[in-house]
């Protein structure tokens, strides 16, 4: 299926001067479809599966900024560590350790977002607020704390948060979940100036996400059509 050029251009126009990054979600889409969108000027692409991402990366222009947005298993980090631009779905300290280890091997700092579970659904991955606080350790200066340990991960840079709203037609509920994530982001940003990215909003709800403060949206079906 060809790229929906009209829809893509409308999204770009909607973003205008809002300083919001569009990540085109290209999972299950062909190299040819991705290249078609790349030729229109799109540089940020998101993938959910490690092997699919590695295969596509090898065949496409090297200036593409690849985002990993699916659930990432620690034993697969090494396949994307040499080239990944941003891992958006970090949900544990153990995974950060794995990413740091592979970053060191590849002599690069790998940028990450912490995925926060904001949807009222059990199927979504991510940290709850207590787990996030424990990981960031907002209230402790103890050397043995998670915050202290984070400082030891020299090849990882946490840039912000990612979240997915509930899959629902109730946009009031979606807005409330985005608003909640933005409030968490704002608290962390006061403690860490490196927190610059808030990734929330997809095809069905990105206008609301932008209104609530998103700096990065992840759009698939509006651009590429339904999944293959």
N, C-alpha and C. Protein backbone atom coordinates (compact mmCIF):
# COMPACT_ATOMS: atom_id res chain seq x y z
N UNK A 1 0.85 -1.20 0.00
CA UNK A 1 0.00 0.00 0.00
C UNK A 1 0.89 1.25 0.00
N UNK A 2 0.64 2.20 -0.91
CA UNK A 2 1.46 3.42 -0.93
C UNK A 2 1.22 4.28 0.29
N UNK A 3 2.21 5.11 0.60
CA UNK A 3 2.09 6.05 1.72
C UNK A 3 0.96 7.04 1.44
N UNK A 4 0.21 7.36 2.49
CA UNK A 4 -0.85 8.37 2.37
C UNK A 4 -0.20 9.75 2.47
N UNK A 5 0.25 10.23 1.33
CA UNK A 5 1.00 11.49 1.29
C UNK A 5 0.17 12.66 1.82
N UNK A 6 -1.10 12.69 1.46
CA UNK A 6 -1.97 13.79 1.90
C UNK A 6 -2.10 13.82 3.42
N UNK A 7 -2.29 12.65 4.02
CA UNK A 7 -2.41 12.57 5.47
C UNK A 7 -1.09 12.96 6.15
N UNK A 8 0.02 12.48 5.58
CA UNK A 8 1.34 12.82 6.13
C UNK A 8 1.56 14.33 6.12
N UNK A 9 1.26 14.96 5.00
CA UNK A 9 1.46 16.40 4.88
C UNK A 9 0.54 17.17 5.83
N UNK A 10 -0.66 16.64 6.07
CA UNK A 10 -1.57 17.28 7.01
C UNK A 10 -1.04 17.21 8.44
N UNK A 11 -0.47 16.06 8.81
CA UNK A 11 0.12 15.92 10.14
C UNK A 11 1.28 16.89 10.31
N UNK A 12 2.15 16.97 9.30
CA UNK A 12 3.28 17.90 9.35
C UNK A 12 2.78 19.33 9.51
N UNK A 13 1.71 19.67 8.79
CA UNK A 13 1.13 21.01 8.89
C UNK A 13 0.55 21.25 10.28
N UNK A 14 -0.08 20.22 10.85
CA UNK A 14 -0.65 20.33 12.19
C UNK A 14 0.44 20.61 13.23
N UNK A 15 1.60 19.98 13.03
CA UNK A 15 2.69 20.17 13.98
C UNK A 15 3.26 21.58 13.88
N UNK A 16 3.34 22.09 12.64
CA UNK A 16 3.76 23.47 12.42
C UNK A 16 4.99 23.83 13.22
N UNK A 17 4.87 24.86 14.03
CA UNK A 17 6.00 25.34 14.84
C UNK A 17 5.89 24.90 16.30
N UNK A 18 5.22 23.77 16.53
CA UNK A 18 4.99 23.32 17.91
C UNK A 18 6.21 22.62 18.54
N UNK A 19 7.24 22.38 17.75
CA UNK A 19 8.43 21.68 18.24
C UNK A 19 8.08 20.27 18.72
N UNK A 20 7.25 19.60 17.95
CA UNK A 20 6.87 18.21 18.23
C UNK A 20 7.48 17.33 17.14
N UNK A 21 8.16 16.26 17.54
CA UNK A 21 8.79 15.34 16.60
C UNK A 21 7.79 14.26 16.19
N UNK A 22 7.70 14.01 14.90
CA UNK A 22 6.86 12.93 14.39
C UNK A 22 7.72 11.69 14.17
N UNK A 23 7.34 10.60 14.84
CA UNK A 23 7.95 9.30 14.58
C UNK A 23 6.95 8.48 13.77
N UNK A 24 7.33 8.12 12.55
CA UNK A 24 6.46 7.31 11.70
C UNK A 24 6.63 5.85 12.08
N UNK A 25 5.55 5.24 12.55
CA UNK A 25 5.61 3.86 13.01
C UNK A 25 5.50 2.93 11.81
N UNK A 26 6.61 2.25 11.51
CA UNK A 26 6.73 1.52 10.25
C UNK A 26 6.75 0.01 10.43
N UNK A 27 6.35 -0.48 11.61
CA UNK A 27 6.33 -1.93 11.83
C UNK A 27 5.42 -2.60 10.81
N UNK A 28 5.87 -3.73 10.31
CA UNK A 28 5.22 -4.56 9.28
C UNK A 28 5.22 -3.91 7.89
N UNK A 29 5.72 -2.69 7.77
CA UNK A 29 5.73 -2.02 6.46
C UNK A 29 7.03 -2.34 5.72
N UNK A 30 6.95 -2.30 4.42
CA UNK A 30 8.09 -2.71 3.59
C UNK A 30 9.17 -1.64 3.54
N UNK A 31 10.36 -2.08 3.14
CA UNK A 31 11.47 -1.16 2.93
C UNK A 31 11.09 -0.11 1.89
N UNK A 32 10.34 -0.53 0.86
CA UNK A 32 9.94 0.39 -0.21
C UNK A 32 9.01 1.48 0.32
N UNK A 33 8.08 1.11 1.22
CA UNK A 33 7.15 2.09 1.79
C UNK A 33 7.90 3.09 2.68
N UNK A 34 8.83 2.56 3.46
CA UNK A 34 9.62 3.44 4.33
C UNK A 34 10.45 4.40 3.48
N UNK A 35 11.06 3.88 2.43
CA UNK A 35 11.88 4.74 1.55
C UNK A 35 11.02 5.81 0.89
N UNK A 36 9.78 5.48 0.55
CA UNK A 36 8.88 6.46 -0.05
C UNK A 36 8.64 7.62 0.91
N UNK A 37 8.42 7.30 2.19
CA UNK A 37 8.20 8.36 3.18
C UNK A 37 9.49 9.11 3.47
N UNK A 38 10.59 8.40 3.51
CA UNK A 38 11.91 9.03 3.68
C UNK A 38 12.15 10.07 2.60
N UNK A 39 11.78 9.73 1.37
CA UNK A 39 11.99 10.64 0.24
C UNK A 39 11.12 11.89 0.33
N UNK A 40 10.08 11.83 1.16
CA UNK A 40 9.25 13.02 1.40
C UNK A 40 9.84 13.90 2.51
N UNK A 41 10.92 13.42 3.13
CA UNK A 41 11.59 14.22 4.15
C UNK A 41 11.53 13.65 5.56
N UNK A 42 10.83 12.51 5.76
CA UNK A 42 10.72 11.93 7.09
C UNK A 42 12.01 11.21 7.48
N UNK A 43 12.51 11.49 8.67
CA UNK A 43 13.77 10.88 9.12
C UNK A 43 13.61 9.99 10.34
N UNK A 44 12.55 10.17 11.12
CA UNK A 44 12.35 9.39 12.35
C UNK A 44 11.33 8.28 12.11
N UNK A 45 11.75 7.03 12.36
CA UNK A 45 10.88 5.88 12.17
C UNK A 45 10.90 5.00 13.42
N UNK A 46 9.75 4.42 13.74
CA UNK A 46 9.63 3.59 14.93
C UNK A 46 9.30 2.15 14.58
N UNK A 47 9.97 1.23 15.25
CA UNK A 47 9.75 -0.20 15.04
C UNK A 47 9.53 -0.92 16.37
N UNK A 48 8.79 -2.04 16.31
CA UNK A 48 8.43 -2.78 17.52
C UNK A 48 9.21 -4.07 17.71
N UNK A 49 9.82 -4.58 16.64
CA UNK A 49 10.45 -5.89 16.71
C UNK A 49 11.91 -5.79 16.29
N UNK A 50 12.78 -6.37 17.11
CA UNK A 50 14.22 -6.20 16.93
C UNK A 50 14.71 -6.73 15.59
N UNK A 51 14.33 -7.95 15.24
CA UNK A 51 14.85 -8.54 14.00
C UNK A 51 14.36 -7.78 12.78
N UNK A 52 13.09 -7.37 12.81
CA UNK A 52 12.54 -6.59 11.69
C UNK A 52 13.27 -5.26 11.56
N UNK A 53 13.55 -4.63 12.69
CA UNK A 53 14.27 -3.35 12.68
C UNK A 53 15.68 -3.52 12.13
N UNK A 54 16.39 -4.54 12.59
CA UNK A 54 17.77 -4.75 12.15
C UNK A 54 17.83 -5.03 10.64
N UNK A 55 16.87 -5.77 10.15
CA UNK A 55 16.82 -6.09 8.72
C UNK A 55 16.58 -4.83 7.88
N UNK A 56 15.65 -4.01 8.33
CA UNK A 56 15.34 -2.78 7.60
C UNK A 56 16.49 -1.78 7.67
N UNK A 57 17.09 -1.66 8.83
CA UNK A 57 18.18 -0.70 9.00
C UNK A 57 19.32 -0.98 8.05
N UNK A 58 19.57 -2.26 7.78
CA UNK A 58 20.67 -2.65 6.90
C UNK A 58 20.41 -2.27 5.45
N UNK A 59 19.14 -2.06 5.10
CA UNK A 59 18.78 -1.83 3.70
C UNK A 59 18.42 -0.38 3.38
N UNK A 60 18.34 0.45 4.40
CA UNK A 60 17.83 1.81 4.21
C UNK A 60 18.90 2.86 4.51
N UNK A 61 18.68 4.12 4.13
CA UNK A 61 19.68 5.17 4.33
C UNK A 61 20.13 5.28 5.79
N UNK A 62 21.42 5.52 5.97
CA UNK A 62 22.01 5.50 7.30
C UNK A 62 21.69 6.74 8.13
N UNK A 63 21.09 7.78 7.52
CA UNK A 63 20.75 8.95 8.33
C UNK A 63 19.34 8.86 8.91
N UNK A 64 18.67 7.71 8.71
CA UNK A 64 17.38 7.51 9.38
C UNK A 64 17.63 7.40 10.88
N UNK A 65 16.77 8.04 11.67
CA UNK A 65 16.83 7.96 13.13
C UNK A 65 15.82 6.89 13.57
N UNK A 66 16.33 5.75 13.97
CA UNK A 66 15.47 4.63 14.34
C UNK A 66 15.09 4.69 15.82
N UNK A 67 13.80 4.53 16.08
CA UNK A 67 13.28 4.50 17.46
C UNK A 67 12.75 3.10 17.73
N UNK A 68 13.13 2.52 18.86
CA UNK A 68 12.53 1.24 19.23
C UNK A 68 11.40 1.53 20.21
N UNK A 69 10.18 1.10 19.86
CA UNK A 69 9.00 1.47 20.65
C UNK A 69 8.25 0.26 21.19
N UNK A 70 8.75 -0.95 20.92
CA UNK A 70 8.09 -2.15 21.42
C UNK A 70 8.72 -2.64 22.71
N UNK A 71 8.18 -3.73 23.24
CA UNK A 71 8.74 -4.33 24.45
C UNK A 71 10.09 -4.95 24.10
N UNK A 72 11.13 -4.53 24.79
CA UNK A 72 12.50 -4.93 24.45
C UNK A 72 13.03 -5.93 25.46
N UNK A 73 13.44 -7.10 24.95
CA UNK A 73 14.07 -8.11 25.79
C UNK A 73 15.57 -7.82 25.90
N UNK A 74 16.10 -7.99 27.09
CA UNK A 74 17.50 -7.66 27.34
C UNK A 74 18.47 -8.38 26.43
N UNK A 75 18.18 -9.63 26.08
CA UNK A 75 19.11 -10.40 25.26
C UNK A 75 19.11 -9.98 23.80
N UNK A 76 18.23 -9.05 23.43
CA UNK A 76 18.18 -8.59 22.04
C UNK A 76 18.73 -7.17 21.86
N UNK A 77 19.13 -6.55 22.95
CA UNK A 77 19.63 -5.18 22.87
C UNK A 77 20.84 -5.09 21.94
N UNK A 78 21.69 -6.11 21.99
CA UNK A 78 22.95 -6.06 21.21
C UNK A 78 22.71 -5.93 19.71
N UNK A 79 21.54 -6.37 19.23
CA UNK A 79 21.27 -6.31 17.79
C UNK A 79 21.01 -4.88 17.30
N UNK A 80 20.52 -4.02 18.19
CA UNK A 80 20.19 -2.65 17.78
C UNK A 80 21.13 -1.61 18.38
N UNK A 81 21.95 -2.01 19.34
CA UNK A 81 22.83 -1.06 20.04
C UNK A 81 23.75 -0.27 19.12
N UNK A 82 24.27 -0.86 18.02
CA UNK A 82 25.21 -0.09 17.19
C UNK A 82 24.59 1.11 16.49
N UNK A 83 23.26 1.13 16.30
CA UNK A 83 22.67 2.19 15.48
C UNK A 83 21.43 2.87 16.05
N UNK A 84 20.83 2.34 17.08
CA UNK A 84 19.53 2.86 17.53
C UNK A 84 19.66 4.32 17.96
N UNK A 85 18.70 5.13 17.58
CA UNK A 85 18.69 6.55 17.95
C UNK A 85 18.07 6.75 19.33
N UNK A 86 16.95 6.08 19.59
CA UNK A 86 16.25 6.24 20.87
C UNK A 86 15.47 4.97 21.19
N UNK A 87 15.70 4.42 22.38
CA UNK A 87 14.88 3.31 22.87
C UNK A 87 13.81 3.91 23.77
N UNK A 88 12.55 3.81 23.34
CA UNK A 88 11.47 4.51 24.03
C UNK A 88 10.77 3.67 25.09
N UNK A 89 11.13 2.40 25.19
CA UNK A 89 10.30 1.48 25.98
C UNK A 89 11.06 0.82 27.13
N UNK A 90 11.89 1.57 27.83
CA UNK A 90 12.64 1.02 28.95
C UNK A 90 11.72 0.93 30.17
N UNK A 91 11.62 -0.28 30.73
CA UNK A 91 10.69 -0.47 31.84
C UNK A 91 11.33 -1.15 33.05
N UNK A 92 12.67 -1.14 33.13
CA UNK A 92 13.33 -1.71 34.30
C UNK A 92 14.79 -1.25 34.38
N UNK A 93 15.32 -1.29 35.61
CA UNK A 93 16.73 -0.97 35.80
C UNK A 93 17.61 -2.03 35.14
N UNK A 94 17.15 -3.29 35.19
CA UNK A 94 17.91 -4.38 34.57
C UNK A 94 18.09 -4.14 33.07
N UNK A 95 17.04 -3.66 32.42
CA UNK A 95 17.15 -3.37 30.98
C UNK A 95 18.12 -2.22 30.75
N UNK A 96 18.09 -1.22 31.60
CA UNK A 96 19.05 -0.12 31.47
C UNK A 96 20.49 -0.63 31.58
N UNK A 97 20.71 -1.59 32.48
CA UNK A 97 22.05 -2.18 32.62
C UNK A 97 22.48 -2.87 31.33
N UNK A 98 21.56 -3.60 30.72
CA UNK A 98 21.86 -4.29 29.46
C UNK A 98 22.19 -3.27 28.36
N UNK A 99 21.40 -2.21 28.28
CA UNK A 99 21.63 -1.17 27.27
C UNK A 99 22.98 -0.50 27.50
N UNK A 100 23.30 -0.24 28.77
CA UNK A 100 24.57 0.38 29.11
C UNK A 100 25.74 -0.51 28.69
N UNK A 101 25.62 -1.81 28.95
CA UNK A 101 26.66 -2.77 28.60
C UNK A 101 26.92 -2.78 27.10
N UNK A 102 25.84 -2.78 26.31
CA UNK A 102 26.00 -2.79 24.85
C UNK A 102 26.45 -1.44 24.32
N UNK A 103 26.05 -0.37 24.99
CA UNK A 103 26.54 0.95 24.62
C UNK A 103 28.04 1.05 24.79
N UNK A 104 28.54 0.49 25.90
CA UNK A 104 29.98 0.48 26.16
C UNK A 104 30.72 -0.30 25.09
N UNK A 105 30.17 -1.45 24.72
CA UNK A 105 30.81 -2.28 23.68
C UNK A 105 30.90 -1.54 22.36
N UNK A 106 29.91 -0.71 22.09
CA UNK A 106 29.85 0.01 20.81
C UNK A 106 30.40 1.43 20.89
N UNK A 107 30.95 1.77 22.06
CA UNK A 107 31.56 3.09 22.27
C UNK A 107 30.58 4.21 21.95
N UNK A 108 29.36 4.09 22.47
CA UNK A 108 28.39 5.16 22.26
C UNK A 108 27.45 5.23 23.46
N UNK A 109 26.86 6.40 23.63
CA UNK A 109 25.84 6.61 24.67
C UNK A 109 24.48 6.42 24.00
N UNK A 110 23.68 5.52 24.54
CA UNK A 110 22.38 5.21 23.96
C UNK A 110 21.29 5.96 24.72
N UNK A 111 20.52 6.75 23.99
CA UNK A 111 19.47 7.54 24.61
C UNK A 111 18.20 6.71 24.79
N UNK A 112 17.52 6.93 25.91
CA UNK A 112 16.36 6.11 26.28
C UNK A 112 15.25 6.98 26.86
N UNK A 113 14.04 6.46 26.77
CA UNK A 113 12.90 6.99 27.51
C UNK A 113 12.41 5.90 28.45
N UNK A 114 11.91 6.32 29.61
CA UNK A 114 11.29 5.37 30.53
C UNK A 114 9.80 5.27 30.20
N UNK A 115 9.33 4.04 29.98
CA UNK A 115 7.93 3.85 29.64
C UNK A 115 7.09 3.77 30.91
N UNK A 116 6.08 4.63 30.98
CA UNK A 116 5.21 4.69 32.15
C UNK A 116 3.85 4.12 31.79
N UNK A 117 3.33 3.26 32.66
CA UNK A 117 2.02 2.65 32.43
C UNK A 117 0.94 3.62 32.92
N UNK A 118 0.25 4.27 31.98
CA UNK A 118 -0.79 5.23 32.35
C UNK A 118 -2.18 4.74 31.99
N UNK A 119 -2.27 3.73 31.12
CA UNK A 119 -3.57 3.24 30.67
C UNK A 119 -4.20 2.33 31.72
N UNK A 120 -5.50 2.34 31.78
CA UNK A 120 -6.21 1.47 32.71
C UNK A 120 -6.49 0.13 32.03
N UNK A 121 -5.43 -0.47 31.51
CA UNK A 121 -5.50 -1.76 30.85
C UNK A 121 -4.31 -2.59 31.31
N UNK A 122 -4.52 -3.88 31.46
CA UNK A 122 -3.45 -4.75 31.95
C UNK A 122 -2.47 -5.14 30.85
N UNK A 123 -2.83 -4.93 29.60
CA UNK A 123 -2.01 -5.43 28.49
C UNK A 123 -0.83 -4.53 28.16
N UNK A 124 -0.80 -3.31 28.68
CA UNK A 124 0.28 -2.38 28.35
C UNK A 124 1.48 -2.62 29.27
N UNK A 125 2.68 -2.50 28.71
CA UNK A 125 3.90 -2.59 29.49
C UNK A 125 4.20 -1.22 30.10
N UNK A 126 5.16 -1.20 31.03
CA UNK A 126 5.60 0.09 31.58
C UNK A 126 5.68 0.09 33.09
N UNK A 127 6.35 1.10 33.59
CA UNK A 127 6.50 1.30 35.03
C UNK A 127 5.26 1.98 35.60
N UNK A 128 4.83 1.55 36.79
CA UNK A 128 3.81 2.36 37.46
C UNK A 128 4.54 3.49 38.18
N UNK A 129 3.77 4.39 38.78
CA UNK A 129 4.40 5.59 39.34
C UNK A 129 5.35 5.26 40.49
N UNK A 130 5.01 4.27 41.30
CA UNK A 130 5.88 3.88 42.40
C UNK A 130 7.19 3.30 41.88
N UNK A 131 7.10 2.46 40.85
CA UNK A 131 8.30 1.87 40.26
C UNK A 131 9.17 2.94 39.62
N UNK A 132 8.54 3.92 38.98
CA UNK A 132 9.28 5.01 38.36
C UNK A 132 10.01 5.82 39.43
N UNK A 133 9.32 6.13 40.51
CA UNK A 133 9.94 6.90 41.59
C UNK A 133 11.11 6.13 42.20
N UNK A 134 10.93 4.82 42.32
CA UNK A 134 12.00 4.00 42.88
C UNK A 134 13.21 4.02 41.95
N UNK A 135 12.96 3.94 40.66
CA UNK A 135 14.06 3.93 39.69
C UNK A 135 14.78 5.28 39.66
N UNK A 136 14.04 6.34 39.56
CA UNK A 136 14.64 7.67 39.54
C UNK A 136 15.12 8.07 40.93
N UNK A 137 14.39 7.56 41.95
CA UNK A 137 14.67 7.85 43.36
C UNK A 137 14.67 9.35 43.62
N UNK A 138 13.49 9.92 43.47
CA UNK A 138 13.34 11.36 43.62
C UNK A 138 13.64 11.86 45.03
N UNK A 139 13.47 11.00 46.03
CA UNK A 139 13.50 11.49 47.42
C UNK A 139 14.68 10.99 48.24
N UNK A 140 15.70 10.46 47.58
CA UNK A 140 16.81 9.89 48.36
C UNK A 140 18.15 10.26 47.76
N UNK A 141 19.11 10.55 48.65
CA UNK A 141 20.48 10.83 48.22
C UNK A 141 21.43 9.72 48.66
N UNK A 142 20.89 8.59 49.09
CA UNK A 142 21.73 7.51 49.57
C UNK A 142 22.57 6.94 48.43
N UNK A 143 23.86 6.68 48.68
CA UNK A 143 24.75 6.19 47.62
C UNK A 143 24.27 4.90 46.99
N UNK A 144 23.61 4.04 47.78
CA UNK A 144 23.20 2.74 47.25
C UNK A 144 21.84 2.78 46.56
N UNK A 145 21.28 3.96 46.45
CA UNK A 145 19.95 4.09 45.88
C UNK A 145 19.96 3.89 44.38
N UNK A 146 18.78 3.62 43.76
CA UNK A 146 18.73 3.52 42.29
C UNK A 146 19.26 4.78 41.61
N UNK A 147 19.00 5.93 42.18
CA UNK A 147 19.50 7.17 41.56
C UNK A 147 21.02 7.16 41.50
N UNK A 148 21.63 6.69 42.59
CA UNK A 148 23.08 6.59 42.61
C UNK A 148 23.57 5.61 41.56
N UNK A 149 22.88 4.48 41.44
CA UNK A 149 23.27 3.48 40.47
C UNK A 149 23.09 3.99 39.03
N UNK A 150 22.07 4.81 38.82
CA UNK A 150 21.87 5.36 37.48
C UNK A 150 23.07 6.18 37.04
N UNK A 151 23.69 6.86 37.99
CA UNK A 151 24.86 7.68 37.66
C UNK A 151 26.03 6.83 37.17
N UNK A 152 26.00 5.54 37.53
CA UNK A 152 27.09 4.65 37.13
C UNK A 152 26.94 4.17 35.68
N UNK A 153 25.76 4.36 35.11
CA UNK A 153 25.51 3.88 33.75
C UNK A 153 25.94 4.97 32.77
N UNK A 154 27.22 4.98 32.46
CA UNK A 154 27.81 6.06 31.67
C UNK A 154 27.44 6.00 30.19
N UNK A 155 26.96 4.86 29.73
CA UNK A 155 26.64 4.72 28.31
C UNK A 155 25.14 4.70 28.04
N UNK A 156 24.39 5.24 29.01
CA UNK A 156 22.94 5.41 28.87
C UNK A 156 22.60 6.85 29.21
N UNK A 157 21.71 7.44 28.46
CA UNK A 157 21.21 8.78 28.77
C UNK A 157 19.68 8.73 28.75
N UNK A 158 19.06 8.95 29.91
CA UNK A 158 17.60 8.97 29.98
C UNK A 158 17.12 10.36 29.60
N UNK A 159 16.33 10.44 28.54
CA UNK A 159 15.90 11.72 27.98
C UNK A 159 14.47 12.10 28.33
N UNK A 160 13.71 11.20 28.93
CA UNK A 160 12.33 11.56 29.24
C UNK A 160 11.45 10.35 29.42
N UNK A 161 10.18 10.51 29.11
CA UNK A 161 9.17 9.49 29.36
C UNK A 161 8.37 9.17 28.10
N UNK A 162 7.84 7.95 28.07
CA UNK A 162 6.91 7.54 27.02
C UNK A 162 5.71 6.87 27.67
N UNK A 163 4.53 7.08 27.08
CA UNK A 163 3.34 6.41 27.58
C UNK A 163 2.30 6.23 26.50
N UNK A 164 1.43 5.24 26.71
CA UNK A 164 0.32 4.97 25.80
C UNK A 164 -0.99 5.07 26.57
N UNK A 165 -1.93 5.84 26.03
CA UNK A 165 -3.24 5.98 26.67
C UNK A 165 -4.08 4.73 26.42
N UNK A 166 -5.17 4.63 27.15
CA UNK A 166 -6.09 3.51 26.97
C UNK A 166 -6.65 3.48 25.54
N UNK A 167 -6.91 2.28 25.07
CA UNK A 167 -7.53 2.11 23.75
C UNK A 167 -9.03 2.25 23.94
N UNK A 168 -9.54 3.45 23.72
CA UNK A 168 -10.94 3.74 24.02
C UNK A 168 -11.42 4.91 23.16
N UNK A 169 -12.73 5.00 23.01
CA UNK A 169 -13.32 6.15 22.32
C UNK A 169 -13.59 7.30 23.28
N UNK A 170 -13.34 7.08 24.57
CA UNK A 170 -13.58 8.10 25.59
C UNK A 170 -12.38 9.05 25.64
N UNK A 171 -12.46 10.13 24.89
CA UNK A 171 -11.32 11.05 24.81
C UNK A 171 -11.10 11.83 26.11
N UNK A 172 -12.10 11.94 26.95
CA UNK A 172 -11.90 12.56 28.27
C UNK A 172 -10.95 11.70 29.11
N UNK A 173 -11.14 10.40 29.02
CA UNK A 173 -10.25 9.48 29.73
C UNK A 173 -8.83 9.56 29.19
N UNK A 174 -8.72 9.58 27.87
CA UNK A 174 -7.41 9.69 27.23
C UNK A 174 -6.71 10.98 27.65
N UNK A 175 -7.44 12.07 27.63
CA UNK A 175 -6.87 13.37 28.02
C UNK A 175 -6.37 13.33 29.46
N UNK A 176 -7.17 12.73 30.33
CA UNK A 176 -6.78 12.66 31.75
C UNK A 176 -5.49 11.85 31.92
N UNK A 177 -5.35 10.78 31.15
CA UNK A 177 -4.13 9.97 31.24
C UNK A 177 -2.91 10.73 30.71
N UNK A 178 -3.09 11.45 29.62
CA UNK A 178 -1.99 12.27 29.10
C UNK A 178 -1.63 13.39 30.09
N UNK A 179 -2.64 14.00 30.67
CA UNK A 179 -2.40 15.08 31.63
C UNK A 179 -1.61 14.56 32.84
N UNK A 180 -1.96 13.35 33.26
CA UNK A 180 -1.26 12.74 34.39
C UNK A 180 0.21 12.48 34.05
N UNK A 181 0.46 11.94 32.86
CA UNK A 181 1.84 11.68 32.46
C UNK A 181 2.63 12.97 32.35
N UNK A 182 2.01 14.01 31.84
CA UNK A 182 2.70 15.31 31.74
C UNK A 182 3.06 15.84 33.13
N UNK A 183 2.19 15.63 34.10
CA UNK A 183 2.49 16.11 35.46
C UNK A 183 3.69 15.36 36.04
N UNK A 184 3.79 14.06 35.76
CA UNK A 184 4.95 13.29 36.21
C UNK A 184 6.22 13.80 35.52
N UNK A 185 6.11 14.02 34.22
CA UNK A 185 7.24 14.53 33.44
C UNK A 185 7.73 15.87 33.98
N UNK A 186 6.78 16.75 34.28
CA UNK A 186 7.15 18.08 34.79
C UNK A 186 7.92 17.98 36.10
N UNK A 187 7.50 17.09 36.98
CA UNK A 187 8.19 16.90 38.27
C UNK A 187 9.63 16.44 38.03
N UNK A 188 9.79 15.47 37.15
CA UNK A 188 11.12 14.94 36.89
C UNK A 188 12.00 15.95 36.17
N UNK A 189 11.40 16.76 35.34
CA UNK A 189 12.17 17.76 34.59
C UNK A 189 12.77 18.80 35.53
N UNK A 190 12.10 19.08 36.62
CA UNK A 190 12.65 20.04 37.59
C UNK A 190 13.88 19.47 38.29
N UNK A 191 13.98 18.13 38.30
CA UNK A 191 15.11 17.48 38.96
C UNK A 191 16.24 17.13 37.99
N UNK A 192 15.90 17.04 36.72
CA UNK A 192 16.88 16.60 35.74
C UNK A 192 16.66 17.36 34.44
N UNK A 193 17.57 18.25 34.12
CA UNK A 193 17.43 19.08 32.93
C UNK A 193 17.59 18.28 31.64
N UNK A 194 18.08 17.04 31.74
CA UNK A 194 18.23 16.19 30.56
C UNK A 194 16.89 15.63 30.11
N UNK A 195 15.86 15.75 30.95
CA UNK A 195 14.53 15.29 30.57
C UNK A 195 13.92 16.30 29.61
N UNK A 196 13.92 15.95 28.32
CA UNK A 196 13.43 16.88 27.30
C UNK A 196 12.32 16.29 26.44
N UNK A 197 12.15 14.97 26.49
CA UNK A 197 11.23 14.31 25.56
C UNK A 197 10.07 13.66 26.30
N UNK A 198 8.87 13.99 25.86
CA UNK A 198 7.66 13.34 26.37
C UNK A 198 6.95 12.75 25.16
N UNK A 199 7.07 11.44 25.01
CA UNK A 199 6.53 10.74 23.85
C UNK A 199 5.15 10.18 24.19
N UNK A 200 4.12 10.83 23.69
CA UNK A 200 2.75 10.34 23.88
C UNK A 200 1.88 10.85 22.75
N UNK A 201 0.96 10.00 22.33
CA UNK A 201 0.08 10.34 21.23
C UNK A 201 0.31 9.46 20.03
N UNK A 202 -0.78 8.85 19.53
CA UNK A 202 -0.72 7.98 18.36
C UNK A 202 -1.79 8.43 17.37
N UNK A 203 -2.05 7.61 16.37
CA UNK A 203 -2.94 8.03 15.28
C UNK A 203 -4.29 8.53 15.77
N UNK A 204 -4.88 7.86 16.76
CA UNK A 204 -6.24 8.17 17.19
C UNK A 204 -6.32 9.34 18.16
N UNK A 205 -5.18 9.68 18.79
CA UNK A 205 -5.28 10.66 19.89
C UNK A 205 -4.18 11.71 19.90
N UNK A 206 -3.40 11.79 18.82
CA UNK A 206 -2.24 12.69 18.86
C UNK A 206 -2.61 14.17 19.04
N UNK A 207 -3.75 14.68 18.51
CA UNK A 207 -4.06 16.09 18.75
C UNK A 207 -4.23 16.41 20.24
N UNK A 208 -4.86 15.48 20.97
CA UNK A 208 -5.04 15.66 22.41
C UNK A 208 -3.68 15.60 23.11
N UNK A 209 -2.84 14.65 22.70
CA UNK A 209 -1.51 14.53 23.30
C UNK A 209 -0.71 15.81 23.15
N UNK A 210 -0.77 16.41 21.97
CA UNK A 210 -0.05 17.66 21.73
C UNK A 210 -0.60 18.78 22.62
N UNK A 211 -1.91 18.85 22.73
CA UNK A 211 -2.53 19.86 23.60
C UNK A 211 -2.09 19.69 25.04
N UNK A 212 -1.82 18.44 25.45
CA UNK A 212 -1.44 18.17 26.83
C UNK A 212 0.07 18.18 27.05
N UNK A 213 0.83 18.54 26.02
CA UNK A 213 2.26 18.78 26.23
C UNK A 213 3.22 17.78 25.64
N UNK A 214 2.74 16.90 24.77
CA UNK A 214 3.64 15.94 24.14
C UNK A 214 4.68 16.66 23.29
N UNK A 215 5.90 16.12 23.28
CA UNK A 215 6.96 16.64 22.40
C UNK A 215 7.31 15.66 21.29
N UNK A 216 6.66 14.48 21.32
CA UNK A 216 6.93 13.46 20.30
C UNK A 216 5.69 12.59 20.14
N UNK A 217 5.25 12.41 18.88
CA UNK A 217 4.09 11.57 18.62
C UNK A 217 4.49 10.40 17.73
N UNK A 218 3.78 9.29 17.86
CA UNK A 218 4.10 8.07 17.14
C UNK A 218 2.90 7.70 16.25
N UNK A 219 3.04 7.91 14.96
CA UNK A 219 1.91 7.75 14.04
C UNK A 219 2.20 6.65 13.03
N UNK A 220 1.29 5.68 12.92
CA UNK A 220 1.46 4.60 11.96
C UNK A 220 0.35 4.57 10.93
N UNK A 221 -0.85 4.18 11.36
CA UNK A 221 -1.93 3.89 10.41
C UNK A 221 -2.38 5.11 9.60
N UNK A 222 -2.30 6.31 10.16
CA UNK A 222 -2.70 7.48 9.40
C UNK A 222 -1.79 7.73 8.20
N UNK A 223 -0.56 7.24 8.30
CA UNK A 223 0.42 7.46 7.25
C UNK A 223 0.54 6.23 6.33
N UNK A 224 0.61 5.08 6.95
CA UNK A 224 0.88 3.85 6.18
C UNK A 224 -0.37 3.02 5.93
N UNK A 225 -1.50 3.38 6.54
CA UNK A 225 -2.66 2.52 6.46
C UNK A 225 -2.60 1.43 7.51
N UNK A 226 -3.59 0.54 7.48
CA UNK A 226 -3.66 -0.54 8.48
C UNK A 226 -2.43 -1.44 8.37
N UNK A 227 -2.12 -2.13 9.49
CA UNK A 227 -0.96 -3.04 9.50
C UNK A 227 -1.16 -4.18 8.52
N UNK A 228 -0.04 -4.62 7.92
CA UNK A 228 -0.08 -5.78 7.03
C UNK A 228 -0.21 -7.05 7.87
